[in-house]
Amino acid sequence: PEWELFENFYADMGPTYQEGLSIGRIDNDGPYCKENCKW
């Protein structure tokens, strides 16, 4: 729910973002959240 706001998504995932990468979930059955996502 925190990612409803772009600013929260940016705070969690922005520091590791690189152009050309896409967001992926570590556990494919889990939610999109800081602990379960990587570029």
PDB file of all heavy atoms in Angstrom:
ATOM      1  N   PRO A   1       0.808  -1.228   0.000  1.00  0.00           N
ATOM      2  CA  PRO A   1       0.000   0.000   0.000  1.00  0.00           C
ATOM      3  C   PRO A   1       0.842   1.280   0.000  1.00  0.00           C
ATOM      4  O   PRO A   1       0.410   2.301  -0.544  1.00  0.00           O
ATOM      5  CB  PRO A   1      -0.819  -0.111   1.291  1.00  0.00           C
ATOM      6  CG  PRO A   1      -0.858  -1.568   1.599  1.00  0.00           C
ATOM      7  CD  PRO A   1       0.431  -2.135   1.083  1.00  0.00           C
ATOM      8  N   GLU A   2       2.032   1.216   0.565  1.00  0.00           N
ATOM      9  CA  GLU A   2       2.908   2.392   0.574  1.00  0.00           C
ATOM     10  C   GLU A   2       3.250   2.848  -0.842  1.00  0.00           C
ATOM     11  O   GLU A   2       3.504   4.025  -1.079  1.00  0.00           O
ATOM     12  CB  GLU A   2       4.192   2.118   1.355  1.00  0.00           C
ATOM     13  CG  GLU A   2       3.999   1.998   2.858  1.00  0.00           C
ATOM     14  CD  GLU A   2       3.497   0.628   3.304  1.00  0.00           C
ATOM     15  OE1 GLU A   2       3.526  -0.342   2.504  1.00  0.00           O
ATOM     16  OE2 GLU A   2       3.057   0.529   4.463  1.00  0.00           O
ATOM     17  N   TRP A   3       3.267   1.918  -1.785  1.00  0.00           N
ATOM     18  CA  TRP A   3       3.634   2.249  -3.164  1.00  0.00           C
ATOM     19  C   TRP A   3       2.483   2.865  -3.946  1.00  0.00           C
ATOM     20  O   TRP A   3       2.612   3.147  -5.128  1.00  0.00           O
ATOM     21  CB  TRP A   3       4.198   1.043  -3.877  1.00  0.00           C
ATOM     22  CG  TRP A   3       5.601   0.712  -3.458  1.00  0.00           C
ATOM     23  CD1 TRP A   3       6.320   1.293  -2.456  1.00  0.00           C
ATOM     24  CD2 TRP A   3       6.443  -0.274  -4.029  1.00  0.00           C
ATOM     25  NE1 TRP A   3       7.565   0.718  -2.355  1.00  0.00           N
ATOM     26  CE2 TRP A   3       7.673  -0.258  -3.323  1.00  0.00           C
ATOM     27  CE3 TRP A   3       6.297  -1.185  -5.058  1.00  0.00           C
ATOM     28  CZ2 TRP A   3       8.726  -1.100  -3.616  1.00  0.00           C
ATOM     29  CZ3 TRP A   3       7.352  -2.036  -5.353  1.00  0.00           C
ATOM     30  CH2 TRP A   3       8.555  -1.984  -4.646  1.00  0.00           C
ATOM     31  N   GLU A   4       1.373   3.097  -3.293  1.00  0.00           N
ATOM     32  CA  GLU A   4       0.299   3.833  -3.950  1.00  0.00           C
ATOM     33  C   GLU A   4       0.800   5.230  -4.321  1.00  0.00           C
ATOM     34  O   GLU A   4       0.400   5.792  -5.323  1.00  0.00           O
ATOM     35  CB  GLU A   4      -0.923   3.912  -3.022  1.00  0.00           C
ATOM     36  CG  GLU A   4      -2.166   4.432  -3.684  1.00  0.00           C
ATOM     37  CD  GLU A   4      -2.675   3.555  -4.834  1.00  0.00           C
ATOM     38  OE1 GLU A   4      -2.601   2.314  -4.761  1.00  0.00           O
ATOM     39  OE2 GLU A   4      -3.157   4.142  -5.815  1.00  0.00           O
ATOM     40  N   LEU A   5       1.720   5.758  -3.507  1.00  0.00           N
ATOM     41  CA  LEU A   5       2.341   7.060  -3.780  1.00  0.00           C
ATOM     42  C   LEU A   5       3.693   6.867  -4.459  1.00  0.00           C
ATOM     43  O   LEU A   5       4.549   6.115  -3.958  1.00  0.00           O
ATOM     44  CB  LEU A   5       2.554   7.837  -2.478  1.00  0.00           C
ATOM     45  CG  LEU A   5       1.293   8.248  -1.728  1.00  0.00           C
ATOM     46  CD1 LEU A   5       1.674   8.876  -0.394  1.00  0.00           C
ATOM     47  CD2 LEU A   5       0.467   9.214  -2.569  1.00  0.00           C
ATOM     48  N   PHE A   6       3.876   7.544  -5.575  1.00  0.00           N
ATOM     49  CA  PHE A   6       5.132   7.443  -6.318  1.00  0.00           C
ATOM     50  C   PHE A   6       6.336   7.768  -5.441  1.00  0.00           C
ATOM     51  O   PHE A   6       7.381   7.116  -5.543  1.00  0.00           O
ATOM     52  CB  PHE A   6       5.112   8.361  -7.546  1.00  0.00           C
ATOM     53  CG  PHE A   6       6.423   8.395  -8.265  1.00  0.00           C
ATOM     54  CD1 PHE A   6       6.832   7.316  -9.030  1.00  0.00           C
ATOM     55  CD2 PHE A   6       7.277   9.482  -8.144  1.00  0.00           C
ATOM     56  CE1 PHE A   6       8.058   7.319  -9.688  1.00  0.00           C
ATOM     57  CE2 PHE A   6       8.501   9.492  -8.792  1.00  0.00           C
ATOM     58  CZ  PHE A   6       8.891   8.411  -9.562  1.00  0.00           C
ATOM     59  N   GLU A   7       6.216   8.752  -4.575  1.00  0.00           N
ATOM     60  CA  GLU A   7       7.334   9.175  -3.727  1.00  0.00           C
ATOM     61  C   GLU A   7       7.848   8.027  -2.858  1.00  0.00           C
ATOM     62  O   GLU A   7       9.056   7.893  -2.644  1.00  0.00           O
ATOM     63  CB  GLU A   7       6.927  10.363  -2.838  1.00  0.00           C
ATOM     64  CG  GLU A   7       6.630  11.631  -3.601  1.00  0.00           C
ATOM     65  CD  GLU A   7       5.253  11.643  -4.283  1.00  0.00           C
ATOM     66  OE1 GLU A   7       4.385  10.776  -3.997  1.00  0.00           O
ATOM     67  OE2 GLU A   7       5.056  12.529  -5.139  1.00  0.00           O
ATOM     68  N   ASN A   8       6.950   7.184  -2.355  1.00  0.00           N
ATOM     69  CA  ASN A   8       7.357   6.042  -1.530  1.00  0.00           C
ATOM     70  C   ASN A   8       8.048   4.971  -2.369  1.00  0.00           C
ATOM     71  O   ASN A   8       9.025   4.362  -1.935  1.00  0.00           O
ATOM     72  CB  ASN A   8       6.151   5.460  -0.801  1.00  0.00           C
ATOM     73  CG  ASN A   8       5.578   6.417   0.203  1.00  0.00           C
ATOM     74  OD1 ASN A   8       6.250   7.334   0.676  1.00  0.00           O
ATOM     75  ND2 ASN A   8       4.312   6.227   0.536  1.00  0.00           N
ATOM     76  N   PHE A   9       7.524   4.738  -3.561  1.00  0.00           N
ATOM     77  CA  PHE A   9       8.170   3.792  -4.478  1.00  0.00           C
ATOM     78  C   PHE A   9       9.579   4.284  -4.803  1.00  0.00           C
ATOM     79  O   PHE A   9      10.545   3.524  -4.761  1.00  0.00           O
ATOM     80  CB  PHE A   9       7.331   3.652  -5.756  1.00  0.00           C
ATOM     81  CG  PHE A   9       7.953   2.783  -6.813  1.00  0.00           C
ATOM     82  CD1 PHE A   9       8.069   1.417  -6.638  1.00  0.00           C
ATOM     83  CD2 PHE A   9       8.412   3.337  -7.997  1.00  0.00           C
ATOM     84  CE1 PHE A   9       8.645   0.614  -7.624  1.00  0.00           C
ATOM     85  CE2 PHE A   9       8.983   2.554  -8.988  1.00  0.00           C
ATOM     86  CZ  PHE A   9       9.087   1.186  -8.796  1.00  0.00           C
ATOM     87  N   TYR A  10       9.682   5.569  -5.086  1.00  0.00           N
ATOM     88  CA  TYR A  10      10.985   6.151  -5.419  1.00  0.00           C
ATOM     89  C   TYR A  10      11.961   6.038  -4.247  1.00  0.00           C
ATOM     90  O   TYR A  10      13.130   5.697  -4.432  1.00  0.00           O
ATOM     91  CB  TYR A  10      10.829   7.613  -5.846  1.00  0.00           C
ATOM     92  CG  TYR A  10      12.126   8.198  -6.345  1.00  0.00           C
ATOM     93  CD1 TYR A  10      12.536   7.973  -7.647  1.00  0.00           C
ATOM     94  CD2 TYR A  10      12.947   8.936  -5.501  1.00  0.00           C
ATOM     95  CE1 TYR A  10      13.738   8.475  -8.111  1.00  0.00           C
ATOM     96  CE2 TYR A  10      14.154   9.449  -5.955  1.00  0.00           C
ATOM     97  CZ  TYR A  10      14.543   9.215  -7.260  1.00  0.00           C
ATOM     98  OH  TYR A  10      15.737   9.701  -7.713  1.00  0.00           O
ATOM     99  N   ALA A  11      11.487   6.281  -3.034  1.00  0.00           N
ATOM    100  CA  ALA A  11      12.349   6.187  -1.856  1.00  0.00           C
ATOM    101  C   ALA A  11      12.876   4.764  -1.669  1.00  0.00           C
ATOM    102  O   ALA A  11      14.040   4.564  -1.305  1.00  0.00           O
ATOM    103  CB  ALA A  11      11.591   6.637  -0.607  1.00  0.00           C
ATOM    104  N   ASP A  12      12.036   3.769  -1.942  1.00  0.00           N
ATOM    105  CA  ASP A  12      12.439   2.366  -1.762  1.00  0.00           C
ATOM    106  C   ASP A  12      13.317   1.846  -2.890  1.00  0.00           C
ATOM    107  O   ASP A  12      14.300   1.144  -2.659  1.00  0.00           O
ATOM    108  CB  ASP A  12      11.207   1.466  -1.656  1.00  0.00           C
ATOM    109  CG  ASP A  12      10.495   1.564  -0.321  1.00  0.00           C
ATOM    110  OD1 ASP A  12      11.080   2.123   0.636  1.00  0.00           O
ATOM    111  OD2 ASP A  12       9.347   1.072  -0.232  1.00  0.00           O
ATOM    112  N   MET A  13      12.963   2.163  -4.144  1.00  0.00           N
ATOM    113  CA  MET A  13      13.615   1.525  -5.287  1.00  0.00           C
ATOM    114  C   MET A  13      14.505   2.459  -6.107  1.00  0.00           C
ATOM    115  O   MET A  13      15.322   2.000  -6.896  1.00  0.00           O
ATOM    116  CB  MET A  13      12.564   0.885  -6.204  1.00  0.00           C
ATOM    117  CG  MET A  13      11.697  -0.175  -5.532  1.00  0.00           C
ATOM    118  SD  MET A  13      12.600  -1.553  -4.798  1.00  0.00           S
ATOM    119  CE  MET A  13      13.315  -2.317  -6.244  1.00  0.00           C
ATOM    120  N   GLY A  14      14.343   3.748  -5.932  1.00  0.00           N
ATOM    121  CA  GLY A  14      15.098   4.721  -6.716  1.00  0.00           C
ATOM    122  C   GLY A  14      16.608   4.619  -6.596  1.00  0.00           C
ATOM    123  O   GLY A  14      17.314   4.702  -7.609  1.00  0.00           O
ATOM    124  N   PRO A  15      17.146   4.427  -5.379  1.00  0.00           N
ATOM    125  CA  PRO A  15      18.604   4.409  -5.235  1.00  0.00           C
ATOM    126  C   PRO A  15      19.324   3.325  -6.042  1.00  0.00           C
ATOM    127  O   PRO A  15      20.485   3.483  -6.388  1.00  0.00           O
ATOM    128  CB  PRO A  15      18.798   4.189  -3.732  1.00  0.00           C
ATOM    129  CG  PRO A  15      17.556   4.724  -3.107  1.00  0.00           C
ATOM    130  CD  PRO A  15      16.461   4.411  -4.088  1.00  0.00           C
ATOM    131  N   THR A  16      18.639   2.234  -6.369  1.00  0.00           N
ATOM    132  CA  THR A  16      19.295   1.142  -7.099  1.00  0.00           C
ATOM    133  C   THR A  16      18.869   1.069  -8.566  1.00  0.00           C
ATOM    134  O   THR A  16      19.306   0.176  -9.292  1.00  0.00           O
ATOM    135  CB  THR A  16      19.003  -0.207  -6.408  1.00  0.00           C
ATOM    136  OG1 THR A  16      17.581  -0.377  -6.315  1.00  0.00           O
ATOM    137  CG2 THR A  16      19.625  -0.254  -5.022  1.00  0.00           C
ATOM    138  N   TYR A  17      18.020   1.995  -8.994  1.00  0.00           N
ATOM    139  CA  TYR A  17      17.508   1.965 -10.365  1.00  0.00           C
ATOM    140  C   TYR A  17      18.589   2.317 -11.381  1.00  0.00           C
ATOM    141  O   TYR A  17      19.403   3.196 -11.158  1.00  0.00           O
ATOM    142  CB  TYR A  17      16.347   2.950 -10.507  1.00  0.00           C
ATOM    143  CG  TYR A  17      15.813   3.041 -11.919  1.00  0.00           C
ATOM    144  CD1 TYR A  17      15.122   1.990 -12.487  1.00  0.00           C
ATOM    145  CD2 TYR A  17      16.015   4.186 -12.680  1.00  0.00           C
ATOM    146  CE1 TYR A  17      14.633   2.068 -13.781  1.00  0.00           C
ATOM    147  CE2 TYR A  17      15.521   4.285 -13.979  1.00  0.00           C
ATOM    148  CZ  TYR A  17      14.834   3.216 -14.516  1.00  0.00           C
ATOM    149  OH  TYR A  17      14.358   3.291 -15.803  1.00  0.00           O
ATOM    150  N   GLN A  18      18.562   1.602 -12.516  1.00  0.00           N
ATOM    151  CA  GLN A  18      19.409   1.918 -13.664  1.00  0.00           C
ATOM    152  C   GLN A  18      18.522   1.884 -14.907  1.00  0.00           C
ATOM    153  O   GLN A  18      17.704   0.974 -15.051  1.00  0.00           O
ATOM    154  CB  GLN A  18      20.532   0.899 -13.821  1.00  0.00           C
ATOM    155  CG  GLN A  18      21.533   0.901 -12.700  1.00  0.00           C
ATOM    156  CD  GLN A  18      22.564  -0.208 -12.885  1.00  0.00           C
ATOM    157  OE1 GLN A  18      22.842  -0.635 -13.994  1.00  0.00           O
ATOM    158  NE2 GLN A  18      23.115  -0.670 -11.790  1.00  0.00           N
ATOM    159  N   GLU A  19      18.702   2.854 -15.780  1.00  0.00           N
ATOM    160  CA  GLU A  19      17.925   2.914 -17.027  1.00  0.00           C
ATOM    161  C   GLU A  19      18.059   1.593 -17.786  1.00  0.00           C
ATOM    162  O   GLU A  19      19.133   1.019 -17.863  1.00  0.00           O
ATOM    163  CB  GLU A  19      18.428   4.071 -17.889  1.00  0.00           C
ATOM    164  CG  GLU A  19      17.566   4.348 -19.093  1.00  0.00           C
ATOM    165  CD  GLU A  19      16.195   4.918 -18.755  1.00  0.00           C
ATOM    166  OE1 GLU A  19      16.090   5.695 -17.787  1.00  0.00           O
ATOM    167  OE2 GLU A  19      15.238   4.573 -19.461  1.00  0.00           O
ATOM    168  N   GLY A  20      16.946   1.112 -18.314  1.00  0.00           N
ATOM    169  CA  GLY A  20      16.953  -0.114 -19.113  1.00  0.00           C
ATOM    170  C   GLY A  20      16.612  -1.367 -18.326  1.00  0.00           C
ATOM    171  O   GLY A  20      16.384  -2.416 -18.915  1.00  0.00           O
ATOM    172  N   LEU A  21      16.582  -1.272 -17.004  1.00  0.00           N
ATOM    173  CA  LEU A  21      16.222  -2.432 -16.204  1.00  0.00           C
ATOM    174  C   LEU A  21      14.729  -2.408 -15.909  1.00  0.00           C
ATOM    175  O   LEU A  21      14.090  -1.367 -15.952  1.00  0.00           O
ATOM    176  CB  LEU A  21      17.008  -2.441 -14.888  1.00  0.00           C
ATOM    177  CG  LEU A  21      18.523  -2.570 -15.005  1.00  0.00           C
ATOM    178  CD1 LEU A  21      19.160  -2.586 -13.614  1.00  0.00           C
ATOM    179  CD2 LEU A  21      18.924  -3.809 -15.793  1.00  0.00           C
ATOM    180  N   SER A  22      14.184  -3.570 -15.601  1.00  0.00           N
ATOM    181  CA  SER A  22      12.772  -3.645 -15.228  1.00  0.00           C
ATOM    182  C   SER A  22      12.677  -4.209 -13.819  1.00  0.00           C
ATOM    183  O   SER A  22      13.619  -4.825 -13.319  1.00  0.00           O
ATOM    184  CB  SER A  22      12.000  -4.518 -16.228  1.00  0.00           C
ATOM    185  OG  SER A  22      12.557  -5.802 -16.290  1.00  0.00           O
ATOM    186  N   ILE A  23      11.531  -3.990 -13.209  1.00  0.00           N
ATOM    187  CA  ILE A  23      11.362  -4.457 -11.835  1.00  0.00           C
ATOM    188  C   ILE A  23      10.918  -5.911 -11.852  1.00  0.00           C
ATOM    189  O   ILE A  23      10.080  -6.311 -12.651  1.00  0.00           O
ATOM    190  CB  ILE A  23      10.373  -3.562 -11.052  1.00  0.00           C
ATOM    191  CG1 ILE A  23      10.509  -3.838  -9.571  1.00  0.00           C
ATOM    192  CG2 ILE A  23       8.951  -3.709 -11.555  1.00  0.00           C
ATOM    193  CD1 ILE A  23       9.978  -2.726  -8.700  1.00  0.00           C
ATOM    194  N   GLY A  24      11.539  -6.701 -10.993  1.00  0.00           N
ATOM    195  CA  GLY A  24      11.190  -8.112 -10.893  1.00  0.00           C
ATOM    196  C   GLY A  24      10.976  -8.490  -9.444  1.00  0.00           C
ATOM    197  O   GLY A  24      11.517  -7.862  -8.537  1.00  0.00           O
ATOM    198  N   ARG A  25      10.163  -9.519  -9.247  1.00  0.00           N
ATOM    199  CA  ARG A  25       9.914 -10.021  -7.899  1.00  0.00           C
ATOM    200  C   ARG A  25      10.794 -11.224  -7.627  1.00  0.00           C
ATOM    201  O   ARG A  25      10.920 -12.108  -8.470  1.00  0.00           O
ATOM    202  CB  ARG A  25       8.437 -10.378  -7.743  1.00  0.00           C
ATOM    203  CG  ARG A  25       7.561  -9.144  -7.650  1.00  0.00           C
ATOM    204  CD  ARG A  25       6.079  -9.437  -7.774  1.00  0.00           C
ATOM    205  NE  ARG A  25       5.794  -9.861  -9.154  1.00  0.00           N
ATOM    206  CZ  ARG A  25       5.261 -11.027  -9.479  1.00  0.00           C
ATOM    207  NH1 ARG A  25       4.887 -11.879  -8.562  1.00  0.00           N
ATOM    208  NH2 ARG A  25       5.078 -11.333 -10.748  1.00  0.00           N
ATOM    209  N   ILE A  26      11.406 -11.280  -6.484  1.00  0.00           N
ATOM    210  CA  ILE A  26      12.263 -12.396  -6.092  1.00  0.00           C
ATOM    211  C   ILE A  26      11.416 -13.658  -5.971  1.00  0.00           C
ATOM    212  O   ILE A  26      11.770 -14.711  -6.486  1.00  0.00           O
ATOM    213  CB  ILE A  26      13.000 -12.056  -4.782  1.00  0.00           C
ATOM    214  CG1 ILE A  26      13.937 -10.860  -5.021  1.00  0.00           C
ATOM    215  CG2 ILE A  26      13.763 -13.265  -4.254  1.00  0.00           C
ATOM    216  CD1 ILE A  26      14.421 -10.169  -3.769  1.00  0.00           C
ATOM    217  N   ASP A  27      10.286 -13.550  -5.284  1.00  0.00           N
ATOM    218  CA  ASP A  27       9.305 -14.633  -5.199  1.00  0.00           C
ATOM    219  C   ASP A  27       8.192 -14.285  -6.176  1.00  0.00           C
ATOM    220  O   ASP A  27       7.432 -13.341  -5.953  1.00  0.00           O
ATOM    221  CB  ASP A  27       8.764 -14.738  -3.769  1.00  0.00           C
ATOM    222  CG  ASP A  27       7.593 -15.716  -3.638  1.00  0.00           C
ATOM    223  OD1 ASP A  27       7.220 -16.375  -4.630  1.00  0.00           O
ATOM    224  OD2 ASP A  27       7.048 -15.814  -2.521  1.00  0.00           O
ATOM    225  N   ASN A  28       8.072 -15.040  -7.265  1.00  0.00           N
ATOM    226  CA  ASN A  28       7.090 -14.738  -8.311  1.00  0.00           C
ATOM    227  C   ASN A  28       5.645 -14.788  -7.831  1.00  0.00           C
ATOM    228  O   ASN A  28       4.752 -14.292  -8.496  1.00  0.00           O
ATOM    229  CB  ASN A  28       7.250 -15.684  -9.499  1.00  0.00           C
ATOM    230  CG  ASN A  28       8.192 -15.137 -10.533  1.00  0.00           C
ATOM    231  OD1 ASN A  28       8.466 -13.950 -10.571  1.00  0.00           O
ATOM    232  ND2 ASN A  28       8.695 -16.012 -11.379  1.00  0.00           N
ATOM    233  N   ASP A  29       5.407 -15.415  -6.697  1.00  0.00           N
ATOM    234  CA  ASP A  29       4.057 -15.475  -6.160  1.00  0.00           C
ATOM    235  C   ASP A  29       3.824 -14.410  -5.091  1.00  0.00           C
ATOM    236  O   ASP A  29       2.732 -14.304  -4.551  1.00  0.00           O
ATOM    237  CB  ASP A  29       3.774 -16.863  -5.578  1.00  0.00           C
ATOM    238  CG  ASP A  29       3.786 -17.930  -6.653  1.00  0.00           C
ATOM    239  OD1 ASP A  29       3.250 -17.671  -7.749  1.00  0.00           O
ATOM    240  OD2 ASP A  29       4.330 -19.016  -6.415  1.00  0.00           O
ATOM    241  N   GLY A  30       4.851 -13.629  -4.786  1.00  0.00           N
ATOM    242  CA  GLY A  30       4.755 -12.607  -3.754  1.00  0.00           C
ATOM    243  C   GLY A  30       4.416 -11.242  -4.323  1.00  0.00           C
ATOM    244  O   GLY A  30       4.389 -11.031  -5.531  1.00  0.00           O
ATOM    245  N   PRO A  31       4.195 -10.283  -3.434  1.00  0.00           N
ATOM    246  CA  PRO A  31       3.788  -8.939  -3.859  1.00  0.00           C
ATOM    247  C   PRO A  31       4.974  -8.091  -4.320  1.00  0.00           C
ATOM    248  O   PRO A  31       6.133  -8.443  -4.094  1.00  0.00           O
ATOM    249  CB  PRO A  31       3.199  -8.347  -2.572  1.00  0.00           C
ATOM    250  CG  PRO A  31       4.019  -8.993  -1.499  1.00  0.00           C
ATOM    251  CD  PRO A  31       4.259 -10.402  -1.981  1.00  0.00           C
ATOM    252  N   TYR A  32       4.643  -6.984  -4.941  1.00  0.00           N
ATOM    253  CA  TYR A  32       5.644  -5.967  -5.233  1.00  0.00           C
ATOM    254  C   TYR A  32       5.850  -5.171  -3.940  1.00  0.00           C
ATOM    255  O   TYR A  32       4.922  -4.530  -3.451  1.00  0.00           O
ATOM    256  CB  TYR A  32       5.168  -5.019  -6.341  1.00  0.00           C
ATOM    257  CG  TYR A  32       5.231  -5.605  -7.717  1.00  0.00           C
ATOM    258  CD1 TYR A  32       4.110  -6.155  -8.315  1.00  0.00           C
ATOM    259  CD2 TYR A  32       6.423  -5.587  -8.437  1.00  0.00           C
ATOM    260  CE1 TYR A  32       4.165  -6.676  -9.591  1.00  0.00           C
ATOM    261  CE2 TYR A  32       6.488  -6.107  -9.718  1.00  0.00           C
ATOM    262  CZ  TYR A  32       5.354  -6.655 -10.284  1.00  0.00           C
ATOM    263  OH  TYR A  32       5.417  -7.173 -11.552  1.00  0.00           O
ATOM    264  N   CYS A  33       7.026  -5.262  -3.369  1.00  0.00           N
ATOM    265  CA  CYS A  33       7.397  -4.504  -2.171  1.00  0.00           C
ATOM    266  C   CYS A  33       8.922  -4.456  -2.126  1.00  0.00           C
ATOM    267  O   CYS A  33       9.595  -5.214  -2.828  1.00  0.00           O
ATOM    268  CB  CYS A  33       6.829  -5.124  -0.895  1.00  0.00           C
ATOM    269  SG  CYS A  33       7.419  -6.786  -0.544  1.00  0.00           S
ATOM    270  N   LYS A  34       9.452  -3.575  -1.317  1.00  0.00           N
ATOM    271  CA  LYS A  34      10.903  -3.376  -1.268  1.00  0.00           C
ATOM    272  C   LYS A  34      11.653  -4.685  -1.004  1.00  0.00           C
ATOM    273  O   LYS A  34      12.661  -4.981  -1.640  1.00  0.00           O
ATOM    274  CB  LYS A  34      11.244  -2.342  -0.198  1.00  0.00           C
ATOM    275  CG  LYS A  34      12.714  -2.048  -0.090  1.00  0.00           C
ATOM    276  CD  LYS A  34      12.995  -1.010   0.972  1.00  0.00           C
ATOM    277  CE  LYS A  34      14.490  -0.727   1.039  1.00  0.00           C
ATOM    278  NZ  LYS A  34      14.782   0.298   2.045  1.00  0.00           N
ATOM    279  N   GLU A  35      11.143  -5.488  -0.088  1.00  0.00           N
ATOM    280  CA  GLU A  35      11.823  -6.730   0.305  1.00  0.00           C
ATOM    281  C   GLU A  35      11.756  -7.817  -0.773  1.00  0.00           C
ATOM    282  O   GLU A  35      12.571  -8.736  -0.776  1.00  0.00           O
ATOM    283  CB  GLU A  35      11.212  -7.288   1.603  1.00  0.00           C
ATOM    284  CG  GLU A  35      11.321  -6.372   2.789  1.00  0.00           C
ATOM    285  CD  GLU A  35      10.317  -5.211   2.771  1.00  0.00           C
ATOM    286  OE1 GLU A  35       9.253  -5.307   2.112  1.00  0.00           O
ATOM    287  OE2 GLU A  35      10.622  -4.190   3.414  1.00  0.00           O
ATOM    288  N   ASN A  36      10.792  -7.715  -1.679  1.00  0.00           N
ATOM    289  CA  ASN A  36      10.602  -8.767  -2.679  1.00  0.00           C
ATOM    290  C   ASN A  36      10.928  -8.309  -4.102  1.00  0.00           C
ATOM    291  O   ASN A  36      10.683  -9.030  -5.054  1.00  0.00           O
ATOM    292  CB  ASN A  36       9.152  -9.296  -2.631  1.00  0.00           C
ATOM    293  CG  ASN A  36       8.970 -10.571  -3.413  1.00  0.00           C
ATOM    294  OD1 ASN A  36       9.804 -11.472  -3.360  1.00  0.00           O
ATOM    295  ND2 ASN A  36       7.888 -10.665  -4.149  1.00  0.00           N
ATOM    296  N   CYS A  37      11.498  -7.103  -4.249  1.00  0.00           N
ATOM    297  CA  CYS A  37      11.761  -6.596  -5.598  1.00  0.00           C
ATOM    298  C   CYS A  37      13.232  -6.300  -5.827  1.00  0.00           C
ATOM    299  O   CYS A  37      13.972  -5.985  -4.892  1.00  0.00           O
ATOM    300  CB  CYS A  37      10.949  -5.320  -5.846  1.00  0.00           C
ATOM    301  SG  CYS A  37       9.204  -5.650  -6.087  1.00  0.00           S
ATOM    302  N   LYS A  38      13.622  -6.427  -7.086  1.00  0.00           N
ATOM    303  CA  LYS A  38      14.981  -6.073  -7.510  1.00  0.00           C
ATOM    304  C   LYS A  38      14.902  -5.633  -8.959  1.00  0.00           C
ATOM    305  O   LYS A  38      13.933  -5.929  -9.667  1.00  0.00           O
ATOM    306  CB  LYS A  38      15.923  -7.253  -7.341  1.00  0.00           C
ATOM    307  CG  LYS A  38      15.558  -8.465  -8.185  1.00  0.00           C
ATOM    308  CD  LYS A  38      16.509  -9.611  -7.962  1.00  0.00           C
ATOM    309  CE  LYS A  38      16.088 -10.813  -8.803  1.00  0.00           C
ATOM    310  NZ  LYS A  38      17.043 -11.881  -8.736  1.00  0.00           N
ATOM    311  N   TRP A  39      15.928  -4.928  -9.406  1.00  0.00           N
ATOM    312  CA  TRP A  39      16.014  -4.503 -10.807  1.00  0.00           C
ATOM    313  C   TRP A  39      16.671  -5.601 -11.606  1.00  0.00           C
ATOM    314  O   TRP A  39      17.681  -6.161 -11.181  1.00  0.00           O
ATOM    315  CB  TRP A  39      16.778  -3.186 -10.912  1.00  0.00           C
ATOM    316  CG  TRP A  39      16.066  -2.087 -10.208  1.00  0.00           C
ATOM    317  CD1 TRP A  39      16.420  -1.499  -9.035  1.00  0.00           C
ATOM    318  CD2 TRP A  39      14.847  -1.475 -10.613  1.00  0.00           C
ATOM    319  NE1 TRP A  39      15.497  -0.554  -8.683  1.00  0.00           N
ATOM    320  CE2 TRP A  39      14.514  -0.512  -9.640  1.00  0.00           C
ATOM    321  CE3 TRP A  39      13.994  -1.637 -11.706  1.00  0.00           C
ATOM    322  CZ2 TRP A  39      13.370   0.278  -9.731  1.00  0.00           C
ATOM    323  CZ3 TRP A  39      12.858  -0.841 -11.794  1.00  0.00           C
ATOM    324  CH2 TRP A  39      12.556   0.096 -10.813  1.00  0.00           C
TER     325      TRP A  39
END
